[in-house]
Structure formats: C-alpha cells, structure tokens
C-alpha cells in the first residue's frame, strides 16, 4: 500500500475491506452463538460458541498478519505518516490483549464452562474488537484520508 499502490477501490484497498468484512462476520457469528439459548442443550450451545471462537481466532490472526507484516498496513502507515506511530503501537498492543482473551476463551471452553462467565468474557472480547476496528478505521483515514467505512 505504498505510493505506487493502485487507487482506492483496487488492490490493497479491496484486500483491506475484505479483511475487515471477514472479521466483522466472525464477530457477528460469535455474538449470535453467545446469545443462543442454552436451554436447548448446553453441549450444543458450547459447540456453537467454540466454532465461532475458532473462526474469529483465524480471522483475527489474518487481521494481525495483514496489519503487522513487514510490508503490511502498519508499515505503510508509518512510511506515509510517521506521526501516527503512537497509534500504531497502541493498536499493536491491543492485538496482544485481544489475542490473549481469545486464547483464554478457547482454552476454557468446555461443557463445564460457566455460561455466564463465557458470555461475559465473549461480550468483553466483542467490545474490544469493535473499539479496535474503529481505531483502525480512524488510523487509515488519518494516514491516507481514505474512509474504509461500511461493510461489504
């Protein structure tokens, strides 16, 4: 996404939108799974939450790879707008916090896991992701004056 990159709407910008949309879809899947009725079966509820967490974890790893790679989004932002290094550092730190919470949820998901605790942690995770995505969108706009805005 350097200065020789294609115009917005092509190449890296499309990849950025796709990556954001995939992450958002995974977040929605987790939200739906967490809100599911446990009364229909604790094992079934737990399985749906686990599957949603696995999907979200994979999409989040893709997000981290996309942003933190040597030639990734953050490198482009720092090359374009070095003044934003503090924001990039903050978002990178958030990656660690989100990754830890995701891993903790995946590790502790079992049939004996406390539903309320899983829902509380899952909701906290979703809130962190929403805020993180907003900050990321603001950062892209600040660096490139390009709004990645809505979802596909």
C-alpha atoms as a PDB file:
ATOM      1  CA  UNK A   1       0.000   0.000   0.000  1.00  0.00           C
ATOM      2  CA  UNK A   2       2.818   2.406  -0.753  1.00  0.00           C
ATOM      3  CA  UNK A   3       2.507   5.430  -3.024  1.00  0.00           C
ATOM      4  CA  UNK A   4       2.704   3.211  -6.112  1.00  0.00           C
ATOM      5  CA  UNK A   5      -0.339   1.282  -4.950  1.00  0.00           C
ATOM      6  CA  UNK A   6      -3.468   1.171  -7.041  1.00  0.00           C
ATOM      7  CA  UNK A   7      -6.127   3.791  -6.487  1.00  0.00           C
ATOM      8  CA  UNK A   8      -8.649   3.287  -3.676  1.00  0.00           C
ATOM      9  CA  UNK A   9     -11.109   0.558  -4.573  1.00  0.00           C
ATOM     10  CA  UNK A  10      -8.415  -1.595  -6.158  1.00  0.00           C
ATOM     11  CA  UNK A  11      -5.738  -3.962  -4.913  1.00  0.00           C
ATOM     12  CA  UNK A  12      -4.752  -3.350  -1.289  1.00  0.00           C
ATOM     13  CA  UNK A  13      -7.860  -1.299  -0.557  1.00  0.00           C
ATOM     14  CA  UNK A  14     -10.062  -4.200  -1.633  1.00  0.00           C
ATOM     15  CA  UNK A  15      -7.972  -6.555   0.478  1.00  0.00           C
ATOM     16  CA  UNK A  16      -8.392  -4.243   3.457  1.00  0.00           C
ATOM     17  CA  UNK A  17     -12.157  -4.116   3.008  1.00  0.00           C
ATOM     18  CA  UNK A  18     -12.393  -7.902   2.587  1.00  0.00           C
ATOM     19  CA  UNK A  19     -10.283  -8.493   5.679  1.00  0.00           C
ATOM     20  CA  UNK A  20     -12.428  -6.108   7.739  1.00  0.00           C
ATOM     21  CA  UNK A  21     -15.652  -7.691   6.463  1.00  0.00           C
ATOM     22  CA  UNK A  22     -14.438 -11.203   7.315  1.00  0.00           C
ATOM     23  CA  UNK A  23     -13.526 -10.110  10.824  1.00  0.00           C
ATOM     24  CA  UNK A  24     -16.914  -8.431  11.251  1.00  0.00           C
ATOM     25  CA  UNK A  25     -18.738 -11.559  10.060  1.00  0.00           C
ATOM     26  CA  UNK A  26     -16.826 -13.657  12.594  1.00  0.00           C
ATOM     27  CA  UNK A  27     -17.683 -11.184  15.323  1.00  0.00           C
ATOM     28  CA  UNK A  28     -21.368 -11.430  14.377  1.00  0.00           C
ATOM     29  CA  UNK A  29     -21.202 -15.226  14.449  1.00  0.00           C
ATOM     30  CA  UNK A  30     -19.766 -15.137  17.971  1.00  0.00           C
ATOM     31  CA  UNK A  31     -22.394 -12.651  19.104  1.00  0.00           C
ATOM     32  CA  UNK A  32     -25.176 -14.902  17.806  1.00  0.00           C
ATOM     33  CA  UNK A  33     -23.630 -18.003  19.359  1.00  0.00           C
ATOM     34  CA  UNK A  34     -23.227 -16.335  22.754  1.00  0.00           C
ATOM     35  CA  UNK A  35     -26.834 -15.153  22.674  1.00  0.00           C
ATOM     36  CA  UNK A  36     -28.127 -18.606  21.765  1.00  0.00           C
ATOM     37  CA  UNK A  37     -30.485 -20.405  24.088  1.00  0.00           C
ATOM     38  CA  UNK A  38     -28.618 -22.665  26.479  1.00  0.00           C
ATOM     39  CA  UNK A  39     -31.908 -24.353  27.369  1.00  0.00           C
ATOM     40  CA  UNK A  40     -31.794 -26.170  24.026  1.00  0.00           C
ATOM     41  CA  UNK A  41     -28.705 -28.011  25.246  1.00  0.00           C
ATOM     42  CA  UNK A  42     -25.574 -26.902  26.995  1.00  0.00           C
ATOM     43  CA  UNK A  43     -23.333 -29.042  24.778  1.00  0.00           C
ATOM     44  CA  UNK A  44     -24.891 -27.681  21.587  1.00  0.00           C
ATOM     45  CA  UNK A  45     -24.542 -24.083  22.827  1.00  0.00           C
ATOM     46  CA  UNK A  46     -20.923 -24.678  23.828  1.00  0.00           C
ATOM     47  CA  UNK A  47     -20.117 -26.227  20.459  1.00  0.00           C
ATOM     48  CA  UNK A  48     -21.599 -23.253  18.582  1.00  0.00           C
ATOM     49  CA  UNK A  49     -19.637 -20.805  20.732  1.00  0.00           C
ATOM     50  CA  UNK A  50     -16.455 -22.834  20.263  1.00  0.00           C
ATOM     51  CA  UNK A  51     -16.859 -22.952  16.482  1.00  0.00           C
ATOM     52  CA  UNK A  52     -17.487 -19.189  16.396  1.00  0.00           C
ATOM     53  CA  UNK A  53     -14.391 -18.586  18.538  1.00  0.00           C
ATOM     54  CA  UNK A  54     -12.234 -20.745  16.263  1.00  0.00           C
ATOM     55  CA  UNK A  55     -13.470 -18.831  13.203  1.00  0.00           C
ATOM     56  CA  UNK A  56     -12.930 -15.487  14.915  1.00  0.00           C
ATOM     57  CA  UNK A  57      -9.467 -16.539  16.052  1.00  0.00           C
ATOM     58  CA  UNK A  58      -8.473 -17.439  12.480  1.00  0.00           C
ATOM     59  CA  UNK A  59      -9.838 -14.176  11.092  1.00  0.00           C
ATOM     60  CA  UNK A  60      -8.126 -12.202  13.832  1.00  0.00           C
ATOM     61  CA  UNK A  61      -4.807 -13.911  13.036  1.00  0.00           C
ATOM     62  CA  UNK A  62      -5.371 -12.855   9.424  1.00  0.00           C
ATOM     63  CA  UNK A  63      -6.006  -9.299  10.590  1.00  0.00           C
ATOM     64  CA  UNK A  64      -2.796  -9.254  12.630  1.00  0.00           C
ATOM     65  CA  UNK A  65      -0.822 -10.693   9.700  1.00  0.00           C
ATOM     66  CA  UNK A  66      -2.339  -8.107   7.334  1.00  0.00           C
ATOM     67  CA  UNK A  67      -1.555  -5.181   9.594  1.00  0.00           C
ATOM     68  CA  UNK A  68       1.724  -6.176  11.280  1.00  0.00           C
ATOM     69  CA  UNK A  69       3.571  -7.864   8.404  1.00  0.00           C
ATOM     70  CA  UNK A  70       6.831  -6.296   7.308  1.00  0.00           C
ATOM     71  CA  UNK A  71       5.047  -4.967   4.217  1.00  0.00           C
ATOM     72  CA  UNK A  72       1.653  -4.713   5.920  1.00  0.00           C
ATOM     73  CA  UNK A  73      -0.755  -1.890   6.598  1.00  0.00           C
ATOM     74  CA  UNK A  74       1.061  -0.508   9.636  1.00  0.00           C
ATOM     75  CA  UNK A  75       4.365  -0.343   7.734  1.00  0.00           C
ATOM     76  CA  UNK A  76       2.602   1.648   5.005  1.00  0.00           C
ATOM     77  CA  UNK A  77       1.029   3.945   7.553  1.00  0.00           C
ATOM     78  CA  UNK A  78       4.362   4.586   9.261  1.00  0.00           C
ATOM     79  CA  UNK A  79       6.010   5.283   5.895  1.00  0.00           C
ATOM     80  CA  UNK A  80       3.216   7.683   4.930  1.00  0.00           C
ATOM     81  CA  UNK A  81       2.560   9.314   8.300  1.00  0.00           C
ATOM     82  CA  UNK A  82       5.280   8.655  10.896  1.00  0.00           C
ATOM     83  CA  UNK A  83       3.452  10.972  13.296  1.00  0.00           C
ATOM     84  CA  UNK A  84       0.956   8.144  13.785  1.00  0.00           C
ATOM     85  CA  UNK A  85       3.499   5.765  15.330  1.00  0.00           C
ATOM     86  CA  UNK A  86       1.869   6.066  18.760  1.00  0.00           C
ATOM     87  CA  UNK A  87      -1.494   4.974  17.369  1.00  0.00           C
ATOM     88  CA  UNK A  88       0.142   2.058  15.533  1.00  0.00           C
ATOM     89  CA  UNK A  89       1.890   0.999  18.745  1.00  0.00           C
ATOM     90  CA  UNK A  90      -1.392   1.191  20.643  1.00  0.00           C
ATOM     91  CA  UNK A  91      -3.218  -0.938  18.060  1.00  0.00           C
ATOM     92  CA  UNK A  92      -0.397  -3.476  18.086  1.00  0.00           C
ATOM     93  CA  UNK A  93      -0.661  -3.719  21.873  1.00  0.00           C
ATOM     94  CA  UNK A  94      -4.408  -4.227  21.526  1.00  0.00           C
ATOM     95  CA  UNK A  95      -3.648  -7.169  19.225  1.00  0.00           C
ATOM     96  CA  UNK A  96      -1.852  -8.853  22.112  1.00  0.00           C
ATOM     97  CA  UNK A  97      -4.699  -8.189  24.552  1.00  0.00           C
ATOM     98  CA  UNK A  98      -7.339  -9.445  22.125  1.00  0.00           C
ATOM     99  CA  UNK A  99      -5.266 -12.496  21.197  1.00  0.00           C
ATOM    100  CA  UNK A 100      -4.831 -13.349  24.906  1.00  0.00           C
ATOM    101  CA  UNK A 101      -8.556 -13.043  25.601  1.00  0.00           C
ATOM    102  CA  UNK A 102      -9.410 -15.132  22.548  1.00  0.00           C
ATOM    103  CA  UNK A 103      -6.938 -17.819  23.593  1.00  0.00           C
ATOM    104  CA  UNK A 104      -8.255 -17.795  27.154  1.00  0.00           C
ATOM    105  CA  UNK A 105     -11.818 -18.271  25.921  1.00  0.00           C
ATOM    106  CA  UNK A 106     -10.800 -21.087  23.580  1.00  0.00           C
ATOM    107  CA  UNK A 107      -8.813 -22.815  26.301  1.00  0.00           C
ATOM    108  CA  UNK A 108     -11.600 -22.652  28.850  1.00  0.00           C
ATOM    109  CA  UNK A 109     -14.499 -23.548  26.560  1.00  0.00           C
ATOM    110  CA  UNK A 110     -15.775 -26.896  27.708  1.00  0.00           C
ATOM    111  CA  UNK A 111     -19.048 -28.413  28.744  1.00  0.00           C
ATOM    112  CA  UNK A 112     -18.253 -27.474  32.323  1.00  0.00           C
ATOM    113  CA  UNK A 113     -17.500 -23.823  31.490  1.00  0.00           C
ATOM    114  CA  UNK A 114     -19.739 -21.361  33.279  1.00  0.00           C
ATOM    115  CA  UNK A 115     -22.173 -19.941  30.703  1.00  0.00           C
ATOM    116  CA  UNK A 116     -22.368 -16.540  32.374  1.00  0.00           C
ATOM    117  CA  UNK A 117     -18.589 -16.277  32.543  1.00  0.00           C
ATOM    118  CA  UNK A 118     -18.200 -17.278  28.885  1.00  0.00           C
ATOM    119  CA  UNK A 119     -20.837 -14.756  27.851  1.00  0.00           C
ATOM    120  CA  UNK A 120     -19.208 -12.010  29.936  1.00  0.00           C
ATOM    121  CA  UNK A 121     -15.748 -12.725  28.510  1.00  0.00           C
ATOM    122  CA  UNK A 122     -17.108 -13.108  24.995  1.00  0.00           C
ATOM    123  CA  UNK A 123     -19.004  -9.830  25.227  1.00  0.00           C
ATOM    124  CA  UNK A 124     -15.879  -8.132  26.558  1.00  0.00           C
ATOM    125  CA  UNK A 125     -13.931  -9.555  23.607  1.00  0.00           C
ATOM    126  CA  UNK A 126     -16.513  -8.288  21.132  1.00  0.00           C
ATOM    127  CA  UNK A 127     -16.425  -4.824  22.700  1.00  0.00           C
ATOM    128  CA  UNK A 128     -12.637  -4.748  22.439  1.00  0.00           C
ATOM    129  CA  UNK A 129     -12.832  -5.783  18.796  1.00  0.00           C
ATOM    130  CA  UNK A 130     -15.438  -3.148  17.936  1.00  0.00           C
ATOM    131  CA  UNK A 131     -13.314  -0.428  19.521  1.00  0.00           C
ATOM    132  CA  UNK A 132     -10.167  -1.775  17.866  1.00  0.00           C
ATOM    133  CA  UNK A 133     -11.799  -1.775  14.437  1.00  0.00           C
ATOM    134  CA  UNK A 134     -12.989   1.810  14.947  1.00  0.00           C
ATOM    135  CA  UNK A 135      -9.495   2.938  15.934  1.00  0.00           C
ATOM    136  CA  UNK A 136      -8.049   1.119  12.942  1.00  0.00           C
ATOM    137  CA  UNK A 137     -10.504   2.774  10.596  1.00  0.00           C
ATOM    138  CA  UNK A 138      -9.699   6.183  12.085  1.00  0.00           C
ATOM    139  CA  UNK A 139      -5.982   5.480  11.677  1.00  0.00           C
ATOM    140  CA  UNK A 140      -6.352   4.596   7.994  1.00  0.00           C
ATOM    141  CA  UNK A 141      -8.364   7.743   7.404  1.00  0.00           C
ATOM    142  CA  UNK A 142      -5.827   9.871   9.284  1.00  0.00           C
ATOM    143  CA  UNK A 143      -2.924   8.406   7.307  1.00  0.00           C
ATOM    144  CA  UNK A 144      -4.439   8.232   3.829  1.00  0.00           C
ATOM    145  CA  UNK A 145      -7.594  10.358   4.032  1.00  0.00           C
ATOM    146  CA  UNK A 146      -9.431   7.294   2.779  1.00  0.00           C
ATOM    147  CA  UNK A 147     -12.544   6.051   4.531  1.00  0.00           C
ATOM    148  CA  UNK A 148     -12.712   2.268   4.621  1.00  0.00           C
ATOM    149  CA  UNK A 149     -16.139   2.801   6.113  1.00  0.00           C
ATOM    150  CA  UNK A 150     -19.016   0.421   5.621  1.00  0.00           C
ATOM    151  CA  UNK A 151     -19.024  -3.277   5.282  1.00  0.00           C
ATOM    152  CA  UNK A 152     -19.487  -5.271   2.121  1.00  0.00           C
END
